[in-house]
């Protein structure tokens, strides 16, 4: 049986059970004019952030943006790796189908 959405290079499942963790790979550019998804960078989602990379402001802005985009509470979006780098991994506590559907709706993403 084919999955309803294409496999996304930036998305993977971690763990077992009825709802494994969704891991999302992002490549971030801070200090942009506005926060937006702009495409791909080396298998990760490329996001421009309007927040500066100072005192965790960019990470917090990214958490809020991801939660808003995916329609989940901010507490369900957790930074796993990359607190001080441009390449980040986020755990999303949401069904995989919801995250894949969000990715499929993004016009800037083409596999």
PDB file of N, CA and C in Angstrom:
ATOM      1  N   UNK A   1       0.832  -1.178   0.000  1.00  0.00           N
ATOM      2  CA  UNK A   1       0.000   0.000   0.000  1.00  0.00           C
ATOM      3  C   UNK A   1       0.880   1.246   0.000  1.00  0.00           C
ATOM      4  N   UNK A   2       0.601   2.197  -0.864  1.00  0.00           N
ATOM      5  CA  UNK A   2       1.387   3.420  -0.962  1.00  0.00           C
ATOM      6  C   UNK A   2       0.944   4.435   0.084  1.00  0.00           C
ATOM      7  N   UNK A   3       1.885   5.152   0.688  1.00  0.00           N
ATOM      8  CA  UNK A   3       1.497   6.204   1.617  1.00  0.00           C
ATOM      9  C   UNK A   3       0.788   7.324   0.859  1.00  0.00           C
ATOM     10  N   UNK A   4      -0.088   8.090   1.538  1.00  0.00           N
ATOM     11  CA  UNK A   4      -0.829   9.137   0.841  1.00  0.00           C
ATOM     12  C   UNK A   4       0.029  10.327   0.425  1.00  0.00           C
ATOM     13  N   UNK A   5       1.220  10.471   1.004  1.00  0.00           N
ATOM     14  CA  UNK A   5       2.100  11.589   0.681  1.00  0.00           C
ATOM     15  C   UNK A   5       3.459  11.056   0.283  1.00  0.00           C
ATOM     16  N   UNK A   6       4.208  11.827  -0.513  1.00  0.00           N
ATOM     17  CA  UNK A   6       5.549  11.373  -0.886  1.00  0.00           C
ATOM     18  C   UNK A   6       6.465  11.362   0.327  1.00  0.00           C
ATOM     19  N   UNK A   7       7.527  10.571   0.280  1.00  0.00           N
ATOM     20  CA  UNK A   7       8.499  10.604   1.378  1.00  0.00           C
ATOM     21  C   UNK A   7       9.233  11.942   1.338  1.00  0.00           C
ATOM     22  N   UNK A   8       9.362  12.563   2.466  1.00  0.00           N
ATOM     23  CA  UNK A   8      10.030  13.856   2.549  1.00  0.00           C
ATOM     24  C   UNK A   8      11.434  13.659   3.108  1.00  0.00           C
ATOM     25  N   UNK A   9      12.467  14.188   2.451  1.00  0.00           N
ATOM     26  CA  UNK A   9      13.835  14.003   2.943  1.00  0.00           C
ATOM     27  C   UNK A   9      14.081  14.668   4.301  1.00  0.00           C
ATOM     28  N   UNK A  10      13.273  15.641   4.666  1.00  0.00           N
ATOM     29  CA  UNK A  10      13.457  16.376   5.918  1.00  0.00           C
ATOM     30  C   UNK A  10      12.707  15.751   7.091  1.00  0.00           C
ATOM     31  N   UNK A  11      11.961  14.690   6.844  1.00  0.00           N
ATOM     32  CA  UNK A  11      11.051  14.129   7.839  1.00  0.00           C
ATOM     33  C   UNK A  11      11.374  12.663   8.089  1.00  0.00           C
ATOM     34  N   UNK A  12      11.421  12.284   9.365  1.00  0.00           N
ATOM     35  CA  UNK A  12      11.588  10.867   9.687  1.00  0.00           C
ATOM     36  C   UNK A  12      10.899  10.565  11.007  1.00  0.00           C
ATOM     37  N   UNK A  13      10.674   9.289  11.232  1.00  0.00           N
ATOM     38  CA  UNK A  13      10.047   8.830  12.466  1.00  0.00           C
ATOM     39  C   UNK A  13      11.117   8.252  13.371  1.00  0.00           C
ATOM     40  N   UNK A  14      10.967   8.475  14.670  1.00  0.00           N
ATOM     41  CA  UNK A  14      11.907   7.936  15.639  1.00  0.00           C
ATOM     42  C   UNK A  14      11.110   7.332  16.785  1.00  0.00           C
ATOM     43  N   UNK A  15      11.449   6.103  17.127  1.00  0.00           N
ATOM     44  CA  UNK A  15      10.747   5.428  18.216  1.00  0.00           C
ATOM     45  C   UNK A  15       9.683   4.482  17.695  1.00  0.00           C
ATOM     46  N   UNK A  16       9.081   3.757  18.622  1.00  0.00           N
ATOM     47  CA  UNK A  16       8.052   2.779  18.269  1.00  0.00           C
ATOM     48  C   UNK A  16       6.782   3.118  19.024  1.00  0.00           C
ATOM     49  N   UNK A  17       5.757   2.372  18.736  1.00  0.00           N
ATOM     50  CA  UNK A  17       4.495   2.599  19.421  1.00  0.00           C
ATOM     51  C   UNK A  17       3.471   3.218  18.496  1.00  0.00           C
ATOM     52  N   UNK A  18       2.318   3.555  19.039  1.00  0.00           N
ATOM     53  CA  UNK A  18       1.237   4.066  18.203  1.00  0.00           C
ATOM     54  C   UNK A  18       1.539   5.437  17.590  1.00  0.00           C
ATOM     55  N   UNK A  19       2.343   6.251  18.264  1.00  0.00           N
ATOM     56  CA  UNK A  19       2.702   7.553  17.702  1.00  0.00           C
ATOM     57  C   UNK A  19       4.172   7.842  17.959  1.00  0.00           C
ATOM     58  N   UNK A  20       5.049   7.412  17.023  1.00  0.00           N
ATOM     59  CA  UNK A  20       6.472   7.704  17.189  1.00  0.00           C
ATOM     60  C   UNK A  20       6.720   9.200  17.030  1.00  0.00           C
ATOM     61  N   UNK A  21       7.896   9.656  17.466  1.00  0.00           N
ATOM     62  CA  UNK A  21       8.275  11.060  17.332  1.00  0.00           C
ATOM     63  C   UNK A  21       8.493  11.398  15.870  1.00  0.00           C
ATOM     64  N   UNK A  22       8.046  12.555  15.482  1.00  0.00           N
ATOM     65  CA  UNK A  22       8.307  13.088  14.149  1.00  0.00           C
ATOM     66  C   UNK A  22       9.542  13.979  14.275  1.00  0.00           C
ATOM     67  N   UNK A  23      10.569  13.714  13.488  1.00  0.00           N
ATOM     68  CA  UNK A  23      11.784  14.520  13.494  1.00  0.00           C
ATOM     69  C   UNK A  23      11.829  15.313  12.194  1.00  0.00           C
ATOM     70  N   UNK A  24      11.996  16.619  12.327  1.00  0.00           N
ATOM     71  CA  UNK A  24      12.010  17.519  11.184  1.00  0.00           C
ATOM     72  C   UNK A  24      13.367  18.208  11.131  1.00  0.00           C
ATOM     73  N   UNK A  25      14.052  18.108   9.990  1.00  0.00           N
ATOM     74  CA  UNK A  25      15.350  18.751   9.795  1.00  0.00           C
ATOM     75  C   UNK A  25      15.148  20.108   9.126  1.00  0.00           C
ATOM     76  N   UNK A  26      15.749  21.141   9.713  1.00  0.00           N
ATOM     77  CA  UNK A  26      15.618  22.500   9.193  1.00  0.00           C
ATOM     78  C   UNK A  26      16.982  23.142   9.025  1.00  0.00           C
ATOM     79  N   UNK A  27      17.099  23.978   8.022  1.00  0.00           N
ATOM     80  CA  UNK A  27      18.259  24.833   7.828  1.00  0.00           C
ATOM     81  C   UNK A  27      17.743  26.261   7.950  1.00  0.00           C
ATOM     82  N   UNK A  28      18.303  27.025   8.873  1.00  0.00           N
ATOM     83  CA  UNK A  28      17.740  28.316   9.246  1.00  0.00           C
ATOM     84  C   UNK A  28      18.676  29.462   8.892  1.00  0.00           C
ATOM     85  N   UNK A  29      18.079  30.548   8.386  1.00  0.00           N
ATOM     86  CA  UNK A  29      18.797  31.798   8.142  1.00  0.00           C
ATOM     87  C   UNK A  29      18.135  32.884   8.972  1.00  0.00           C
ATOM     88  N   UNK A  30      18.784  33.335  10.057  1.00  0.00           N
ATOM     89  CA  UNK A  30      18.191  34.380  10.890  1.00  0.00           C
ATOM     90  C   UNK A  30      18.355  35.768  10.273  1.00  0.00           C
ATOM     91  N   UNK A  31      17.725  36.748  10.894  1.00  0.00           N
ATOM     92  CA  UNK A  31      17.792  38.159  10.495  1.00  0.00           C
ATOM     93  C   UNK A  31      17.201  38.448   9.121  1.00  0.00           C
ATOM     94  N   UNK A  32      16.185  37.696   8.730  1.00  0.00           N
ATOM     95  CA  UNK A  32      15.507  37.944   7.459  1.00  0.00           C
ATOM     96  C   UNK A  32      14.442  39.027   7.654  1.00  0.00           C
ATOM     97  N   UNK A  33      13.902  39.527   6.559  1.00  0.00           N
ATOM     98  CA  UNK A  33      12.839  40.531   6.648  1.00  0.00           C
ATOM     99  C   UNK A  33      11.577  39.944   7.260  1.00  0.00           C
ATOM    100  N   UNK A  34      11.293  38.674   6.926  1.00  0.00           N
ATOM    101  CA  UNK A  34      10.114  38.007   7.492  1.00  0.00           C
ATOM    102  C   UNK A  34      10.406  36.514   7.633  1.00  0.00           C
ATOM    103  N   UNK A  35       9.631  35.859   8.479  1.00  0.00           N
ATOM    104  CA  UNK A  35       9.787  34.417   8.673  1.00  0.00           C
ATOM    105  C   UNK A  35       8.992  33.706   7.600  1.00  0.00           C
ATOM    106  N   UNK A  36       9.681  32.817   6.867  1.00  0.00           N
ATOM    107  CA  UNK A  36       9.015  32.095   5.785  1.00  0.00           C
ATOM    108  C   UNK A  36       9.805  30.854   5.399  1.00  0.00           C
ATOM    109  N   UNK A  37       9.077  29.895   4.862  1.00  0.00           N
ATOM    110  CA  UNK A  37       9.670  28.689   4.293  1.00  0.00           C
ATOM    111  C   UNK A  37      10.041  29.021   2.858  1.00  0.00           C
ATOM    112  N   UNK A  38      11.309  28.753   2.481  1.00  0.00           N
ATOM    113  CA  UNK A  38      11.758  29.152   1.149  1.00  0.00           C
ATOM    114  C   UNK A  38      12.183  27.994   0.253  1.00  0.00           C
ATOM    115  N   UNK A  39      12.192  26.768   0.769  1.00  0.00           N
ATOM    116  CA  UNK A  39      12.559  25.639  -0.077  1.00  0.00           C
ATOM    117  C   UNK A  39      13.429  24.636   0.644  1.00  0.00           C
ATOM    118  N   UNK A  40      14.380  24.091  -0.116  1.00  0.00           N
ATOM    119  CA  UNK A  40      15.254  23.027   0.383  1.00  0.00           C
ATOM    120  C   UNK A  40      16.691  23.494   0.499  1.00  0.00           C
ATOM    121  N   UNK A  41      17.411  22.886   1.441  1.00  0.00           N
ATOM    122  CA  UNK A  41      18.858  23.062   1.524  1.00  0.00           C
ATOM    123  C   UNK A  41      19.445  21.759   2.060  1.00  0.00           C
ATOM    124  N   UNK A  42      20.101  21.020   1.195  1.00  0.00           N
ATOM    125  CA  UNK A  42      20.789  19.789   1.585  1.00  0.00           C
ATOM    126  C   UNK A  42      19.871  18.824   2.344  1.00  0.00           C
ATOM    127  N   UNK A  43      18.664  18.593   1.827  1.00  0.00           N
ATOM    128  CA  UNK A  43      17.731  17.639   2.418  1.00  0.00           C
ATOM    129  C   UNK A  43      16.941  18.162   3.601  1.00  0.00           C
ATOM    130  N   UNK A  44      17.146  19.415   3.956  1.00  0.00           N
ATOM    131  CA  UNK A  44      16.419  20.022   5.077  1.00  0.00           C
ATOM    132  C   UNK A  44      15.523  21.139   4.542  1.00  0.00           C
ATOM    133  N   UNK A  45      14.497  21.456   5.310  1.00  0.00           N
ATOM    134  CA  UNK A  45      13.670  22.599   4.962  1.00  0.00           C
ATOM    135  C   UNK A  45      14.470  23.874   5.202  1.00  0.00           C
ATOM    136  N   UNK A  46      14.421  24.790   4.259  1.00  0.00           N
ATOM    137  CA  UNK A  46      15.130  26.065   4.401  1.00  0.00           C
ATOM    138  C   UNK A  46      14.123  27.104   4.895  1.00  0.00           C
ATOM    139  N   UNK A  47      14.388  27.683   6.076  1.00  0.00           N
ATOM    140  CA  UNK A  47      13.498  28.667   6.674  1.00  0.00           C
ATOM    141  C   UNK A  47      14.275  29.947   6.931  1.00  0.00           C
ATOM    142  N   UNK A  48      13.696  31.067   6.501  1.00  0.00           N
ATOM    143  CA  UNK A  48      14.237  32.370   6.852  1.00  0.00           C
ATOM    144  C   UNK A  48      13.496  32.860   8.083  1.00  0.00           C
ATOM    145  N   UNK A  49      14.252  33.330   9.068  1.00  0.00           N
ATOM    146  CA  UNK A  49      13.664  33.812  10.319  1.00  0.00           C
ATOM    147  C   UNK A  49      13.889  35.304  10.473  1.00  0.00           C
ATOM    148  N   UNK A  50      12.856  36.003  10.927  1.00  0.00           N
ATOM    149  CA  UNK A  50      13.004  37.438  11.157  1.00  0.00           C
ATOM    150  C   UNK A  50      13.710  37.726  12.475  1.00  0.00           C
ATOM    151  N   UNK A  51      13.862  36.732  13.328  1.00  0.00           N
ATOM    152  CA  UNK A  51      14.498  36.924  14.633  1.00  0.00           C
ATOM    153  C   UNK A  51      16.020  36.866  14.522  1.00  0.00           C
ATOM    154  N   UNK A  52      16.709  37.589  15.407  1.00  0.00           N
ATOM    155  CA  UNK A  52      18.176  37.534  15.426  1.00  0.00           C
ATOM    156  C   UNK A  52      18.657  36.301  16.188  1.00  0.00           C
ATOM    157  N   UNK A  53      19.865  35.827  15.873  1.00  0.00           N
ATOM    158  CA  UNK A  53      20.404  34.658  16.575  1.00  0.00           C
ATOM    159  C   UNK A  53      21.075  35.043  17.903  1.00  0.00           C
ATOM    160  N   UNK A  54      20.318  35.699  18.769  1.00  0.00           N
ATOM    161  CA  UNK A  54      20.866  36.198  20.035  1.00  0.00           C
ATOM    162  C   UNK A  54      20.038  35.650  21.194  1.00  0.00           C
ATOM    163  N   UNK A  55      20.711  35.066  22.181  1.00  0.00           N
ATOM    164  CA  UNK A  55      20.061  34.586  23.406  1.00  0.00           C
ATOM    165  C   UNK A  55      18.866  33.670  23.146  1.00  0.00           C
ATOM    166  N   UNK A  56      18.938  32.843  22.126  1.00  0.00           N
ATOM    167  CA  UNK A  56      17.876  31.884  21.848  1.00  0.00           C
ATOM    168  C   UNK A  56      16.643  32.467  21.186  1.00  0.00           C
ATOM    169  N   UNK A  57      16.691  33.733  20.784  1.00  0.00           N
ATOM    170  CA  UNK A  57      15.528  34.375  20.167  1.00  0.00           C
ATOM    171  C   UNK A  57      15.122  33.685  18.862  1.00  0.00           C
ATOM    172  N   UNK A  58      16.101  33.289  18.069  1.00  0.00           N
ATOM    173  CA  UNK A  58      15.785  32.630  16.800  1.00  0.00           C
ATOM    174  C   UNK A  58      15.144  31.268  17.039  1.00  0.00           C
ATOM    175  N   UNK A  59      15.648  30.512  18.009  1.00  0.00           N
ATOM    176  CA  UNK A  59      15.063  29.204  18.311  1.00  0.00           C
ATOM    177  C   UNK A  59      13.634  29.346  18.818  1.00  0.00           C
ATOM    178  N   UNK A  60      13.387  30.328  19.676  1.00  0.00           N
ATOM    179  CA  UNK A  60      12.038  30.534  20.192  1.00  0.00           C
ATOM    180  C   UNK A  60      11.089  30.994  19.087  1.00  0.00           C
ATOM    181  N   UNK A  61      11.569  31.864  18.213  1.00  0.00           N
ATOM    182  CA  UNK A  61      10.753  32.308  17.082  1.00  0.00           C
ATOM    183  C   UNK A  61      10.432  31.138  16.161  1.00  0.00           C
ATOM    184  N   UNK A  62      11.403  30.267  15.947  1.00  0.00           N
ATOM    185  CA  UNK A  62      11.192  29.101  15.093  1.00  0.00           C
ATOM    186  C   UNK A  62      10.200  28.138  15.733  1.00  0.00           C
ATOM    187  N   UNK A  63      10.285  27.931  17.047  1.00  0.00           N
ATOM    188  CA  UNK A  63       9.336  27.076  17.753  1.00  0.00           C
ATOM    189  C   UNK A  63       7.906  27.613  17.574  1.00  0.00           C
ATOM    190  N   UNK A  64       7.732  28.907  17.779  1.00  0.00           N
ATOM    191  CA  UNK A  64       6.407  29.526  17.637  1.00  0.00           C
ATOM    192  C   UNK A  64       5.889  29.399  16.214  1.00  0.00           C
ATOM    193  N   UNK A  65       6.761  29.639  15.246  1.00  0.00           N
ATOM    194  CA  UNK A  65       6.362  29.561  13.841  1.00  0.00           C
ATOM    195  C   UNK A  65       5.962  28.135  13.469  1.00  0.00           C
ATOM    196  N   UNK A  66       6.782  27.147  13.860  1.00  0.00           N
ATOM    197  CA  UNK A  66       6.459  25.751  13.558  1.00  0.00           C
ATOM    198  C   UNK A  66       5.133  25.345  14.197  1.00  0.00           C
ATOM    199  N   UNK A  67       4.931  25.697  15.466  1.00  0.00           N
ATOM    200  CA  UNK A  67       3.696  25.353  16.162  1.00  0.00           C
ATOM    201  C   UNK A  67       2.494  25.970  15.455  1.00  0.00           C
ATOM    202  N   UNK A  68       2.620  27.209  15.071  1.00  0.00           N
ATOM    203  CA  UNK A  68       1.536  27.899  14.372  1.00  0.00           C
ATOM    204  C   UNK A  68       1.252  27.253  13.017  1.00  0.00           C
ATOM    205  N   UNK A  69       2.293  26.996  12.254  1.00  0.00           N
ATOM    206  CA  UNK A  69       2.135  26.391  10.925  1.00  0.00           C
ATOM    207  C   UNK A  69       1.509  24.999  11.000  1.00  0.00           C
ATOM    208  N   UNK A  70       1.909  24.219  12.004  1.00  0.00           N
ATOM    209  CA  UNK A  70       1.432  22.841  12.123  1.00  0.00           C
ATOM    210  C   UNK A  70       0.156  22.724  12.944  1.00  0.00           C
ATOM    211  N   UNK A  71      -0.261  23.811  13.567  1.00  0.00           N
ATOM    212  CA  UNK A  71      -1.492  23.801  14.344  1.00  0.00           C
ATOM    213  C   UNK A  71      -1.404  22.988  15.624  1.00  0.00           C
ATOM    214  N   UNK A  72      -0.242  23.036  16.275  1.00  0.00           N
ATOM    215  CA  UNK A  72      -0.048  22.322  17.539  1.00  0.00           C
ATOM    216  C   UNK A  72       0.409  23.319  18.606  1.00  0.00           C
ATOM    217  N   UNK A  73       0.209  23.001  19.886  1.00  0.00           N
ATOM    218  CA  UNK A  73       0.735  23.863  20.939  1.00  0.00           C
ATOM    219  C   UNK A  73       2.269  23.915  20.903  1.00  0.00           C
ATOM    220  N   UNK A  74       2.828  25.024  21.333  1.00  0.00           N
ATOM    221  CA  UNK A  74       4.288  25.176  21.333  1.00  0.00           C
ATOM    222  C   UNK A  74       4.978  24.105  22.161  1.00  0.00           C
ATOM    223  N   UNK A  75       4.315  23.613  23.189  1.00  0.00           N
ATOM    224  CA  UNK A  75       4.906  22.578  24.044  1.00  0.00           C
ATOM    225  C   UNK A  75       5.132  21.270  23.290  1.00  0.00           C
ATOM    226  N   UNK A  76       4.500  21.106  22.151  1.00  0.00           N
ATOM    227  CA  UNK A  76       4.673  19.888  21.345  1.00  0.00           C
ATOM    228  C   UNK A  76       5.777  20.012  20.306  1.00  0.00           C
ATOM    229  N   UNK A  77       6.498  21.111  20.326  1.00  0.00           N
ATOM    230  CA  UNK A  77       7.604  21.346  19.395  1.00  0.00           C
ATOM    231  C   UNK A  77       8.871  21.502  20.233  1.00  0.00           C
ATOM    232  N   UNK A  78       9.803  20.560  20.077  1.00  0.00           N
ATOM    233  CA  UNK A  78      10.990  20.509  20.928  1.00  0.00           C
ATOM    234  C   UNK A  78      12.263  20.507  20.089  1.00  0.00           C
ATOM    235  N   UNK A  79      13.195  21.391  20.427  1.00  0.00           N
ATOM    236  CA  UNK A  79      14.494  21.421  19.758  1.00  0.00           C
ATOM    237  C   UNK A  79      15.345  20.267  20.269  1.00  0.00           C
ATOM    238  N   UNK A  80      15.803  19.410  19.360  1.00  0.00           N
ATOM    239  CA  UNK A  80      16.645  18.275  19.730  1.00  0.00           C
ATOM    240  C   UNK A  80      18.129  18.569  19.548  1.00  0.00           C
ATOM    241  N   UNK A  81      18.468  19.180  18.403  1.00  0.00           N
ATOM    242  CA  UNK A  81      19.870  19.452  18.074  1.00  0.00           C
ATOM    243  C   UNK A  81      19.985  20.782  17.335  1.00  0.00           C
ATOM    244  N   UNK A  82      21.116  21.442  17.531  1.00  0.00           N
ATOM    245  CA  UNK A  82      21.418  22.631  16.752  1.00  0.00           C
ATOM    246  C   UNK A  82      21.054  23.944  17.413  1.00  0.00           C
ATOM    247  N   UNK A  83      21.077  23.998  18.729  1.00  0.00           N
ATOM    248  CA  UNK A  83      20.685  25.220  19.438  1.00  0.00           C
ATOM    249  C   UNK A  83      21.487  26.443  18.988  1.00  0.00           C
ATOM    250  N   UNK A  84      22.761  26.255  18.649  1.00  0.00           N
ATOM    251  CA  UNK A  84      23.577  27.405  18.256  1.00  0.00           C
ATOM    252  C   UNK A  84      24.004  27.363  16.792  1.00  0.00           C
ATOM    253  N   UNK A  85      23.489  26.414  16.032  1.00  0.00           N
ATOM    254  CA  UNK A  85      23.866  26.303  14.628  1.00  0.00           C
ATOM    255  C   UNK A  85      22.710  26.619  13.698  1.00  0.00           C
ATOM    256  N   UNK A  86      23.013  26.642  12.417  1.00  0.00           N
ATOM    257  CA  UNK A  86      21.971  26.884  11.419  1.00  0.00           C
ATOM    258  C   UNK A  86      21.159  25.628  11.120  1.00  0.00           C
ATOM    259  N   UNK A  87      21.803  24.474  11.260  1.00  0.00           N
ATOM    260  CA  UNK A  87      21.127  23.197  11.005  1.00  0.00           C
ATOM    261  C   UNK A  87      20.487  22.722  12.309  1.00  0.00           C
ATOM    262  N   UNK A  88      19.185  22.458  12.287  1.00  0.00           N
ATOM    263  CA  UNK A  88      18.460  22.111  13.504  1.00  0.00           C
ATOM    264  C   UNK A  88      17.581  20.893  13.286  1.00  0.00           C
ATOM    265  N   UNK A  89      17.348  20.171  14.372  1.00  0.00           N
ATOM    266  CA  UNK A  89      16.401  19.056  14.365  1.00  0.00           C
ATOM    267  C   UNK A  89      15.346  19.337  15.428  1.00  0.00           C
ATOM    268  N   UNK A  90      14.101  19.249  15.018  1.00  0.00           N
ATOM    269  CA  UNK A  90      12.972  19.495  15.909  1.00  0.00           C
ATOM    270  C   UNK A  90      12.125  18.244  15.997  1.00  0.00           C
ATOM    271  N   UNK A  91      11.666  17.928  17.198  1.00  0.00           N
ATOM    272  CA  UNK A  91      10.707  16.844  17.405  1.00  0.00           C
ATOM    273  C   UNK A  91       9.322  17.476  17.441  1.00  0.00           C
ATOM    274  N   UNK A  92       8.415  16.906  16.685  1.00  0.00           N
ATOM    275  CA  UNK A  92       7.049  17.408  16.610  1.00  0.00           C
ATOM    276  C   UNK A  92       6.122  16.326  17.151  1.00  0.00           C
ATOM    277  N   UNK A  93       5.365  16.655  18.166  1.00  0.00           N
ATOM    278  CA  UNK A  93       4.398  15.721  18.736  1.00  0.00           C
ATOM    279  C   UNK A  93       3.062  15.922  18.025  1.00  0.00           C
ATOM    280  N   UNK A  94       2.952  15.297  16.862  1.00  0.00           N
ATOM    281  CA  UNK A  94       1.757  15.380  16.024  1.00  0.00           C
ATOM    282  C   UNK A  94       1.742  14.150  15.129  1.00  0.00           C
ATOM    283  N   UNK A  95       0.582  13.791  14.590  1.00  0.00           N
ATOM    284  CA  UNK A  95       0.546  12.650  13.662  1.00  0.00           C
ATOM    285  C   UNK A  95       1.364  12.924  12.405  1.00  0.00           C
ATOM    286  N   UNK A  96       2.034  11.892  11.931  1.00  0.00           N
ATOM    287  CA  UNK A  96       2.852  12.031  10.721  1.00  0.00           C
ATOM    288  C   UNK A  96       2.023  12.518   9.544  1.00  0.00           C
ATOM    289  N   UNK A  97       0.795  12.044   9.433  1.00  0.00           N
ATOM    290  CA  UNK A  97      -0.066  12.446   8.318  1.00  0.00           C
ATOM    291  C   UNK A  97      -0.310  13.951   8.325  1.00  0.00           C
ATOM    292  N   UNK A  98      -0.441  14.551   9.505  1.00  0.00           N
ATOM    293  CA  UNK A  98      -0.665  15.998   9.598  1.00  0.00           C
ATOM    294  C   UNK A  98       0.560  16.774   9.142  1.00  0.00           C
ATOM    295  N   UNK A  99       1.746  16.324   9.554  1.00  0.00           N
ATOM    296  CA  UNK A  99       2.985  17.008   9.169  1.00  0.00           C
ATOM    297  C   UNK A  99       3.231  16.820   7.668  1.00  0.00           C
ATOM    298  N   UNK A 100       3.010  15.625   7.159  1.00  0.00           N
ATOM    299  CA  UNK A 100       3.174  15.373   5.720  1.00  0.00           C
ATOM    300  C   UNK A 100       2.185  16.190   4.899  1.00  0.00           C
ATOM    301  N   UNK A 101       0.958  16.320   5.390  1.00  0.00           N
ATOM    302  CA  UNK A 101      -0.044  17.128   4.684  1.00  0.00           C
ATOM    303  C   UNK A 101       0.383  18.598   4.645  1.00  0.00           C
ATOM    304  N   UNK A 102       0.945  19.090   5.755  1.00  0.00           N
ATOM    305  CA  UNK A 102       1.435  20.473   5.785  1.00  0.00           C
ATOM    306  C   UNK A 102       2.550  20.657   4.753  1.00  0.00           C
ATOM    307  N   UNK A 103       3.482  19.709   4.713  1.00  0.00           N
ATOM    308  CA  UNK A 103       4.568  19.787   3.735  1.00  0.00           C
ATOM    309  C   UNK A 103       4.022  19.770   2.307  1.00  0.00           C
ATOM    310  N   UNK A 104       3.033  18.929   2.057  1.00  0.00           N
ATOM    311  CA  UNK A 104       2.457  18.816   0.716  1.00  0.00           C
ATOM    312  C   UNK A 104       1.771  20.118   0.280  1.00  0.00           C
ATOM    313  N   UNK A 105       1.286  20.894   1.235  1.00  0.00           N
ATOM    314  CA  UNK A 105       0.611  22.163   0.907  1.00  0.00           C
ATOM    315  C   UNK A 105       1.583  23.298   0.605  1.00  0.00           C
ATOM    316  N   UNK A 106       2.859  23.121   0.862  1.00  0.00           N
ATOM    317  CA  UNK A 106       3.839  24.190   0.675  1.00  0.00           C
ATOM    318  C   UNK A 106       4.248  24.268  -0.795  1.00  0.00           C
ATOM    319  N   UNK A 107       3.884  25.363  -1.445  1.00  0.00           N
ATOM    320  CA  UNK A 107       4.148  25.497  -2.869  1.00  0.00           C
ATOM    321  C   UNK A 107       5.646  25.601  -3.200  1.00  0.00           C
ATOM    322  N   UNK A 108       6.453  26.004  -2.233  1.00  0.00           N
ATOM    323  CA  UNK A 108       7.891  26.154  -2.502  1.00  0.00           C
ATOM    324  C   UNK A 108       8.647  24.833  -2.459  1.00  0.00           C
ATOM    325  N   UNK A 109       7.992  23.750  -2.015  1.00  0.00           N
ATOM    326  CA  UNK A 109       8.658  22.462  -1.891  1.00  0.00           C
ATOM    327  C   UNK A 109       8.336  21.576  -3.091  1.00  0.00           C
ATOM    328  N   UNK A 110       9.373  21.176  -3.762  1.00  0.00           N
ATOM    329  CA  UNK A 110       9.229  20.247  -4.871  1.00  0.00           C
ATOM    330  C   UNK A 110      10.333  19.216  -4.752  1.00  0.00           C
ATOM    331  N   UNK A 111       9.941  17.968  -4.701  1.00  0.00           N
ATOM    332  CA  UNK A 111      10.936  16.900  -4.578  1.00  0.00           C
ATOM    333  C   UNK A 111      11.419  16.500  -5.947  1.00  0.00           C
TER     334      UNK A 111
END
